[in-house]
Structures are given as C-alpha cells and as structure tokens.
Amino acid sequence: MPSVVTGLDLPVIAAPMAGGPGSTALVIAAARAGSLGFLAAGYKTPQALAEEIAAVNAAGVPFGVNLFSPNPVPVDPVAFRRYAELLGPEAARYGLSLDGVAPVEDDDRWHDKLDVLRAHPVPVLSFTFGLPGRDDLALLRRTGALLAATVTSAAEAEAAEQAGLDALVVQAAAAGGHSGTFTPAKALTEVPVGELIASVRSSVDLPVIAAGGVATADAVAAAVGAGAAAVAVGTALLRSDEAGTSAVHRAALADPARTGTVLTRAFTGRPARGLRNEFTDQYSQLAPSGYPALHYLTSGIRKAAVAAGDPERVHLWAGTGFRQATAEPAGAILTRLAGKL
C-alpha cells in the first residue's frame, strides 16, 4: 500500500462520517496526531466539499475523501406512500406534513463531485455503497489518488480487486452508520471483523483497512494481528472535541439508559446501525428498502428532532462499541487505540 497509509505513525484512521460528525477539525486533528482522517462527501453540495478540501489543504496535512458511489435502491411507490402515511404523525409532531411527498431518487451529485476532485486532487479517495464505473475510476486514478473501496464480504472484495482498486476498507456489520454493502436490499451477515478480514485476505491480495466494532486498543491490535494494515474508527470519535456530532447525539451516546444498537432501514431505506430509540423500535420492521428516497422522506423529521433535542426521532448512528466513545481530544483517542500495537 502506498506510503500515505503505511507511513502513518498511528495506523488508526478517523473514518468518514457523513451528516456532520466528520468535521474538517476532526480530519486535521487526526493527521496532526500522526494518523489520517477522511472528509465525508456524502450529502454535501459540491461547493461545500470544495470548501472543506480547501480548509484541510490549508492545514498542510494528508487526508482522504469518501464518496457515496451511485448504487440507488429504487423504492416501490406504493410502499413509499404507505410508509409516508405511517410517518405522518411523526411529522405532525413538529408541524410538518408528508402529504403528497414524492420519492426523490438521485445520485448525490456524483459527477459534480468528481469535477471537484479533478480540480482539487486529494491523496486518498474511498468509496462506499459500491464501485464506481470503469470510466469514473479511470478519471479519479488520473488525479493521483490512492483508491479504496468499502467492502463487506469476500465477493465484494474480489469485485473491487478486479476493478483495479488499490486497497480495501473491510467493514463488519458491527460498524456504526450505513453499511457499505453492495446489496442493501439483502439482510447483512453479522461476521466479526477478524473473521471477515481472514475471509477477504484469503480471496484477494489487496491491503486491508479494518472497520466495524473496533473501539478498544485490544480490538485494534487483534485486527492488525488478523492482517489489517490499519484500522478505521468512527464511533470511538463521535464524542471527541473536534467531531461535529450534534448535542442530542452526544448525549445519547453517554446515556446509560441506551443499552444497545440495531441495524435498521427506518431512517434511510439502507441498512445502518444506530442506538435503539422509539423510532427504530416502531418502524424498523415497517420500512421498505429504498435509498435515497427514505433518506429524503425522513430528513425533515430528523432535523426537527435534533433542533428540539428529541433523541427518539434522530438517527443515532453508532457501532457496537459505542460505550467506548469518550469526550476528549481526537488525538488522545487515536493514540490510546494504537497503544497495543
């Protein structure tokens, strides 16, 4: 793997976290600690992405950018309307209405973001939700970036190797937030990260970054012992000083009454892991597959809940190791996690 990753003083990487937590401050703090951070391009406008790249470039540190590969799951219109009707009372709670809302199916302005990355090259690019097309990969390779794909199985790893990717982020189902699975309409197989690394490494010859449920120094050492060149952590950094995590999310992570996490499609139509709350309990079994249509459908409810300080209707993304998330500088967290290497 190119030295941008193997040369890290701390082979514990700050994973990309879309929707706010993955701030420029967090990315810069990770790099200054001797690690590497990733800006999350997902949900941002191309202009906002360009501004964040400029901000991190100004700090003079290495970093990466993560993109949502176009891999939509078109929603069934009847199922969408039924779900919107079910969520009507949740919207009304905040003075919102879902009457007549139509599904939104888009690609997160994929090609506009590729234009930004051509104009403002970065050292590392990673992809989540699938593999970019051949032409897009060729375009991005010409920027000089290392190209990494998030995979959740040996079969996905083989597809990434065949597509010419340089490295793999091997993500176990214990990870917080969205799964990077290429087949989001199927149930996830919950394989421990160590077993998943072994399976992938027996199938392909690409360097591996481990992710998913790795939240202690022992877990980091075990992942590296299983063959990972580095480990990516997200949940462990959610309460860090530099993270852009909302106040309601931070409080929920520290709430002793929150006893576990669940995989759910209720908020976005794609499988994602978060803390259990009233919304996941009520709607996880009722939500259809459909991304990004469900993401847009529930977006107003979630934003209103954050503004109201209501944790029961917010996507409280978190991995299984959420109890290890601490309120301190990101550099201290990353240094501690690398302490047994």
Protein backbone atom coordinates (compact mmCIF):
# COMPACT_ATOMS: atom_id res chain seq x y z
CA MET A 1 0.00 0.00 0.00
CA PRO A 2 1.36 3.47 -0.81
CA SER A 3 3.15 5.28 1.99
CA VAL A 4 0.26 7.68 2.59
CA VAL A 5 -1.21 4.84 4.68
CA THR A 6 1.73 2.58 5.58
CA GLY A 7 3.77 5.56 6.74
CA LEU A 8 1.33 6.56 9.44
CA ASP A 9 2.69 6.93 12.96
CA LEU A 10 -0.76 5.88 14.17
CA PRO A 11 -2.35 3.23 11.93
CA VAL A 12 -5.75 4.05 13.43
CA ILE A 13 -7.65 6.16 10.91
CA ALA A 14 -10.53 8.55 11.52
CA ALA A 15 -13.29 7.06 9.38
CA PRO A 16 -15.54 9.26 7.24
CA MET A 17 -18.80 10.15 8.99
CA ALA A 18 -21.36 11.87 6.80
CA GLY A 19 -24.04 14.17 8.11
CA GLY A 20 -21.94 16.30 10.45
CA PRO A 21 -19.64 14.29 12.76
CA GLY A 22 -16.78 14.08 10.25
CA SER A 23 -15.73 17.73 10.51
CA THR A 24 -12.65 19.37 9.00
CA ALA A 25 -11.42 19.88 12.56
CA LEU A 26 -11.57 16.13 13.19
CA VAL A 27 -9.72 15.35 9.95
CA ILE A 28 -6.98 17.84 10.78
CA ALA A 29 -6.69 16.60 14.38
CA ALA A 30 -6.29 13.01 13.19
CA ALA A 31 -3.50 13.96 10.81
CA ARG A 32 -1.70 16.04 13.42
CA ALA A 33 -1.76 13.03 15.74
CA GLY A 34 0.10 11.04 13.08
CA SER A 35 -2.97 9.37 11.62
CA LEU A 36 -5.26 10.10 8.68
CA GLY A 37 -8.79 11.47 8.52
CA PHE A 38 -11.47 11.39 5.82
CA LEU A 39 -13.85 14.11 4.76
CA ALA A 40 -17.29 12.65 4.05
CA ALA A 41 -18.60 13.96 0.74
CA GLY A 42 -22.00 12.31 1.21
CA TYR A 43 -24.97 14.69 1.47
CA LYS A 44 -22.77 17.76 0.90
CA THR A 45 -23.08 20.10 -2.05
CA PRO A 46 -20.08 20.13 -4.40
CA GLN A 47 -19.30 23.67 -3.25
CA ALA A 48 -19.27 22.62 0.40
CA LEU A 49 -16.98 19.71 -0.45
CA ALA A 50 -14.58 22.04 -2.29
CA GLU A 51 -14.55 24.42 0.68
CA GLU A 52 -13.76 21.61 3.11
CA ILE A 53 -10.97 20.30 0.90
CA ALA A 54 -9.51 23.81 0.77
CA ALA A 55 -9.71 24.11 4.57
CA VAL A 56 -7.82 20.87 5.16
CA ASN A 57 -5.30 21.65 2.42
CA ALA A 58 -4.62 24.96 4.17
CA ALA A 59 -3.64 22.99 7.28
CA GLY A 60 -0.96 21.21 5.26
CA VAL A 61 -1.88 17.68 6.33
CA PRO A 62 -2.62 14.47 4.40
CA PHE A 63 -6.25 13.34 4.27
CA GLY A 64 -8.80 11.45 2.26
CA VAL A 65 -12.29 12.00 0.85
CA ASN A 66 -15.06 9.42 0.93
CA LEU A 67 -17.79 9.32 -1.72
CA PHE A 68 -21.14 7.55 -1.89
CA SER A 69 -20.92 5.52 -5.10
CA PRO A 70 -24.12 5.64 -7.13
CA ASN A 71 -25.95 2.48 -6.12
CA PRO A 72 -29.55 3.55 -5.59
CA VAL A 73 -32.24 1.23 -4.35
CA PRO A 74 -35.39 2.48 -6.10
CA VAL A 75 -38.32 2.44 -3.75
CA ASP A 76 -41.63 0.81 -4.60
CA PRO A 77 -44.04 3.76 -4.98
CA VAL A 78 -46.87 2.01 -3.14
CA ALA A 79 -44.59 1.02 -0.26
CA PHE A 80 -43.22 4.56 -0.14
CA ARG A 81 -46.69 6.09 0.10
CA ARG A 82 -47.69 3.60 2.80
CA TYR A 83 -44.59 4.43 4.83
CA ALA A 84 -45.12 8.17 4.40
CA GLU A 85 -48.63 7.75 5.77
CA LEU A 86 -47.30 5.82 8.77
CA LEU A 87 -44.84 8.63 9.47
CA GLY A 88 -47.48 11.33 9.18
CA PRO A 89 -47.98 11.68 12.96
CA GLU A 90 -44.20 11.90 13.49
CA ALA A 91 -44.01 14.77 11.03
CA ALA A 92 -47.08 16.47 12.50
CA ARG A 93 -45.40 16.45 15.92
CA TYR A 94 -43.06 19.14 14.52
CA GLY A 95 -45.59 20.97 12.39
CA LEU A 96 -44.51 19.17 9.21
CA SER A 97 -46.56 17.34 6.61
CA LEU A 98 -45.72 14.39 4.39
CA ASP A 99 -48.95 14.65 2.38
CA GLY A 100 -48.25 14.29 -1.31
CA VAL A 101 -44.49 13.83 -0.84
CA ALA A 102 -42.97 12.08 -3.87
CA PRO A 103 -39.89 9.82 -3.82
CA VAL A 104 -36.59 11.53 -4.60
CA GLU A 105 -34.13 9.33 -6.45
CA ASP A 106 -30.74 10.98 -7.08
CA ASP A 107 -27.00 10.20 -7.15
CA ASP A 108 -25.83 12.72 -4.54
CA ARG A 109 -24.47 14.90 -7.39
CA TRP A 110 -21.87 12.29 -8.14
CA HIS A 111 -20.42 13.76 -11.33
CA ASP A 112 -20.29 17.28 -9.91
CA LYS A 113 -18.24 15.92 -7.01
CA LEU A 114 -15.92 14.14 -9.43
CA ASP A 115 -15.35 17.52 -11.08
CA VAL A 116 -14.39 18.95 -7.67
CA LEU A 117 -11.89 16.15 -7.09
CA ARG A 118 -10.36 16.63 -10.52
CA ALA A 119 -9.89 20.31 -9.76
CA HIS A 120 -8.71 19.71 -6.19
CA PRO A 121 -6.87 16.35 -6.02
CA VAL A 122 -6.52 14.65 -2.64
CA PRO A 123 -4.15 11.85 -1.54
CA VAL A 124 -6.78 9.15 -0.89
CA LEU A 125 -10.29 8.52 -2.20
CA SER A 126 -12.59 5.88 -0.76
CA PHE A 127 -15.98 4.70 -1.96
CA THR A 128 -18.98 3.41 -0.05
CA PHE A 129 -22.16 1.63 -1.27
CA GLY A 130 -20.48 0.07 -4.31
CA LEU A 131 -17.86 0.53 -7.00
CA PRO A 132 -17.71 3.47 -9.40
CA GLY A 133 -17.89 2.68 -13.09
CA ARG A 134 -14.75 1.97 -15.10
CA ASP A 135 -14.60 5.42 -16.71
CA ASP A 136 -15.08 7.21 -13.41
CA LEU A 137 -12.39 5.11 -11.75
CA ALA A 138 -10.01 5.91 -14.60
CA LEU A 139 -10.78 9.61 -14.21
CA LEU A 140 -10.13 9.52 -10.49
CA ARG A 141 -6.97 7.47 -10.90
CA ARG A 142 -5.57 10.24 -13.09
CA THR A 143 -5.78 12.60 -10.10
CA GLY A 144 -3.01 10.55 -8.46
CA ALA A 145 -5.13 9.42 -5.52
CA LEU A 146 -4.96 6.03 -3.85
CA LEU A 147 -8.35 4.41 -4.48
CA ALA A 148 -10.00 2.33 -1.75
CA ALA A 149 -13.37 0.57 -1.71
CA THR A 150 -15.52 -0.28 1.29
CA VAL A 151 -16.46 -3.97 1.15
CA THR A 152 -18.49 -6.20 3.43
CA SER A 153 -17.70 -9.66 2.00
CA ALA A 154 -15.09 -11.62 0.12
CA ALA A 155 -17.22 -11.45 -3.04
CA GLU A 156 -17.28 -7.66 -2.89
CA ALA A 157 -13.53 -7.64 -2.26
CA GLU A 158 -12.98 -9.75 -5.37
CA ALA A 159 -15.08 -7.33 -7.43
CA ALA A 160 -13.02 -4.41 -6.11
CA GLU A 161 -9.76 -6.16 -6.97
CA GLN A 162 -10.99 -6.90 -10.47
CA ALA A 163 -11.95 -3.23 -10.88
CA GLY A 164 -8.38 -2.19 -10.09
CA LEU A 165 -8.81 -0.68 -6.63
CA ASP A 166 -5.64 -0.14 -4.58
CA ALA A 167 -6.95 -1.01 -1.12
CA LEU A 168 -10.00 -2.24 0.77
CA VAL A 169 -11.85 -0.97 3.80
CA VAL A 170 -13.25 -4.22 5.18
CA GLN A 171 -16.36 -3.23 7.13
CA ALA A 172 -18.03 -5.61 9.55
CA ALA A 173 -21.74 -5.31 10.36
CA ALA A 174 -20.84 -4.06 13.85
CA ALA A 175 -19.94 -0.68 12.31
CA GLY A 176 -21.99 2.38 13.12
CA GLY A 177 -23.89 4.23 10.43
CA HIS A 178 -24.58 2.88 6.97
CA SER A 179 -23.27 -0.45 5.85
CA GLY A 180 -21.21 -0.22 2.68
CA THR A 181 -22.83 -3.37 1.31
CA PHE A 182 -23.24 -3.53 -2.46
CA THR A 183 -26.61 -5.28 -1.99
CA PRO A 184 -28.54 -3.22 0.57
CA ALA A 185 -31.87 -4.92 -0.06
CA LYS A 186 -30.46 -8.15 1.42
CA ALA A 187 -30.02 -8.89 5.10
CA LEU A 188 -26.50 -8.34 6.40
CA THR A 189 -24.44 -11.25 7.66
CA GLU A 190 -23.01 -10.32 11.04
CA VAL A 191 -19.47 -11.68 10.85
CA PRO A 192 -16.85 -10.48 13.40
CA VAL A 193 -14.28 -8.18 11.83
CA GLY A 194 -11.40 -10.61 12.44
CA GLU A 195 -13.18 -13.40 10.58
CA LEU A 196 -14.12 -11.01 7.78
CA ILE A 197 -10.51 -9.88 7.38
CA ALA A 198 -9.38 -13.51 7.16
CA SER A 199 -12.03 -14.30 4.56
CA VAL A 200 -11.14 -11.28 2.43
CA ARG A 201 -7.39 -11.85 2.66
CA SER A 202 -7.82 -15.45 1.56
CA SER A 203 -9.65 -14.23 -1.55
CA VAL A 204 -7.72 -11.16 -2.69
CA ASP A 205 -4.22 -9.73 -2.50
CA LEU A 206 -5.05 -6.12 -1.64
CA PRO A 207 -4.09 -4.29 1.56
CA VAL A 208 -6.87 -4.12 4.12
CA ILE A 209 -8.11 -1.43 6.48
CA ALA A 210 -10.38 -2.95 9.14
CA ALA A 211 -13.59 -1.28 10.29
CA GLY A 212 -16.62 -2.14 12.37
CA GLY A 213 -16.85 -2.64 16.11
CA VAL A 214 -13.17 -1.78 16.69
CA ALA A 215 -13.30 0.53 19.71
CA THR A 216 -10.54 -0.58 22.10
CA ALA A 217 -6.77 -0.96 21.94
CA ASP A 218 -7.17 -4.73 22.25
CA ALA A 219 -9.60 -4.79 19.32
CA VAL A 220 -7.26 -2.67 17.20
CA ALA A 221 -4.34 -4.99 17.98
CA ALA A 222 -6.46 -8.03 17.14
CA ALA A 223 -7.49 -6.56 13.77
CA VAL A 224 -3.88 -5.80 12.89
CA GLY A 225 -2.91 -9.26 14.06
CA ALA A 226 -5.52 -10.68 11.70
CA GLY A 227 -3.81 -8.98 8.78
CA ALA A 228 -5.13 -5.43 8.61
CA ALA A 229 -2.58 -2.77 7.63
CA ALA A 230 -4.60 -0.18 9.52
CA VAL A 231 -7.91 0.23 11.35
CA ALA A 232 -10.61 2.83 10.73
CA VAL A 233 -12.68 4.01 13.69
CA GLY A 234 -15.74 6.22 13.71
CA THR A 235 -17.95 5.57 16.71
CA ALA A 236 -15.00 5.96 19.09
CA LEU A 237 -14.59 9.54 17.83
CA LEU A 238 -18.23 10.66 17.92
CA ARG A 239 -17.84 12.40 21.28
CA SER A 240 -14.38 13.77 20.56
CA ASP A 241 -13.80 17.50 20.97
CA GLU A 242 -13.36 18.05 17.24
CA ALA A 243 -16.27 15.96 15.92
CA GLY A 244 -19.29 17.78 14.53
CA THR A 245 -21.69 15.41 16.31
CA SER A 246 -24.93 17.07 17.43
CA ALA A 247 -25.61 17.71 21.10
CA VAL A 248 -28.54 15.29 21.14
CA HIS A 249 -26.40 12.54 19.59
CA ARG A 250 -23.54 13.14 22.05
CA ALA A 251 -25.92 12.98 24.99
CA ALA A 252 -27.48 9.74 23.76
CA LEU A 253 -24.07 8.09 23.40
CA ALA A 254 -23.33 8.89 27.05
CA ASP A 255 -26.79 7.96 28.33
CA PRO A 256 -26.58 4.81 30.48
CA ALA A 257 -30.19 4.02 29.57
CA ARG A 258 -29.11 3.35 25.97
CA THR A 259 -28.29 -0.31 26.17
CA GLY A 260 -27.72 -1.41 22.60
CA THR A 261 -27.66 -0.82 18.87
CA VAL A 262 -29.78 -2.09 16.00
CA LEU A 263 -29.50 -2.42 12.25
CA THR A 264 -32.35 -0.51 10.68
CA ARG A 265 -33.66 0.82 7.37
CA ALA A 266 -36.21 3.01 9.13
CA PHE A 267 -34.42 6.30 8.57
CA THR A 268 -32.90 5.99 5.11
CA GLY A 269 -34.01 2.80 3.38
CA ARG A 270 -30.48 1.35 3.60
CA PRO A 271 -29.21 -0.82 6.47
CA ALA A 272 -27.47 1.30 9.10
CA ARG A 273 -26.54 0.69 12.72
CA GLY A 274 -27.55 3.09 15.47
CA LEU A 275 -28.66 3.30 19.07
CA ARG A 276 -32.12 1.92 19.71
CA ASN A 277 -34.79 4.54 20.18
CA GLU A 278 -38.55 4.86 19.77
CA PHE A 279 -38.27 5.38 16.02
CA THR A 280 -36.21 2.25 15.40
CA ASP A 281 -38.45 0.20 17.68
CA GLN A 282 -41.61 1.34 15.92
CA TYR A 283 -40.56 1.48 12.28
CA SER A 284 -37.64 -0.89 11.63
CA GLN A 285 -39.95 -3.74 10.66
CA LEU A 286 -42.20 -1.47 8.60
CA ALA A 287 -39.73 0.50 6.49
CA PRO A 288 -39.30 -0.59 2.87
CA SER A 289 -35.95 -0.71 1.10
CA GLY A 290 -35.43 2.48 -0.83
CA TYR A 291 -32.38 4.73 -0.80
CA PRO A 292 -32.18 7.69 -1.09
CA ALA A 293 -35.98 8.05 -1.17
CA LEU A 294 -36.43 7.23 2.53
CA HIS A 295 -33.46 9.39 3.48
CA TYR A 296 -35.24 12.39 1.98
CA LEU A 297 -38.62 11.34 3.37
CA THR A 298 -37.43 11.31 6.98
CA SER A 299 -34.91 14.16 6.71
CA GLY A 300 -37.26 16.89 7.93
CA ILE A 301 -38.38 14.84 10.92
CA ARG A 302 -34.79 14.13 11.91
CA LYS A 303 -33.67 17.73 11.59
CA ALA A 304 -36.64 18.94 13.62
CA ALA A 305 -35.93 16.34 16.29
CA VAL A 306 -32.31 17.48 16.58
CA ALA A 307 -33.45 21.09 16.91
CA ALA A 308 -35.93 20.06 19.61
CA GLY A 309 -33.40 17.95 21.47
CA ASP A 310 -35.50 14.84 20.92
CA PRO A 311 -33.30 11.72 20.68
CA GLU A 312 -36.21 9.39 19.96
CA ARG A 313 -36.63 10.51 16.35
CA VAL A 314 -32.99 11.03 15.37
CA HIS A 315 -30.67 8.61 13.58
CA LEU A 316 -28.27 8.00 16.47
CA TRP A 317 -25.68 6.22 14.36
CA ALA A 318 -23.31 4.17 16.49
CA GLY A 319 -21.40 0.91 16.30
CA THR A 320 -21.49 -1.86 18.85
CA GLY A 321 -18.54 -0.31 20.70
CA PHE A 322 -20.36 2.93 21.45
CA ARG A 323 -19.71 2.63 25.18
CA GLN A 324 -16.05 3.35 24.43
CA ALA A 325 -16.79 6.78 22.92
CA THR A 326 -15.24 9.43 25.15
CA ALA A 327 -15.30 13.21 25.40
CA GLU A 328 -11.67 14.20 24.84
CA PRO A 329 -9.37 15.32 22.00
CA ALA A 330 -9.39 13.08 18.94
CA GLY A 331 -5.61 12.76 19.01
CA ALA A 332 -5.75 11.32 22.51
CA ILE A 333 -8.38 8.78 21.47
CA LEU A 334 -6.44 7.64 18.41
CA THR A 335 -3.19 7.42 20.38
CA ARG A 336 -4.84 5.29 23.05
CA LEU A 337 -6.40 2.97 20.49
CA ALA A 338 -2.98 2.38 18.93
CA GLY A 339 -1.41 1.76 22.33
CA LYS A 340 -1.04 -2.03 21.97
CA LEU A 341 0.45 -2.12 18.51
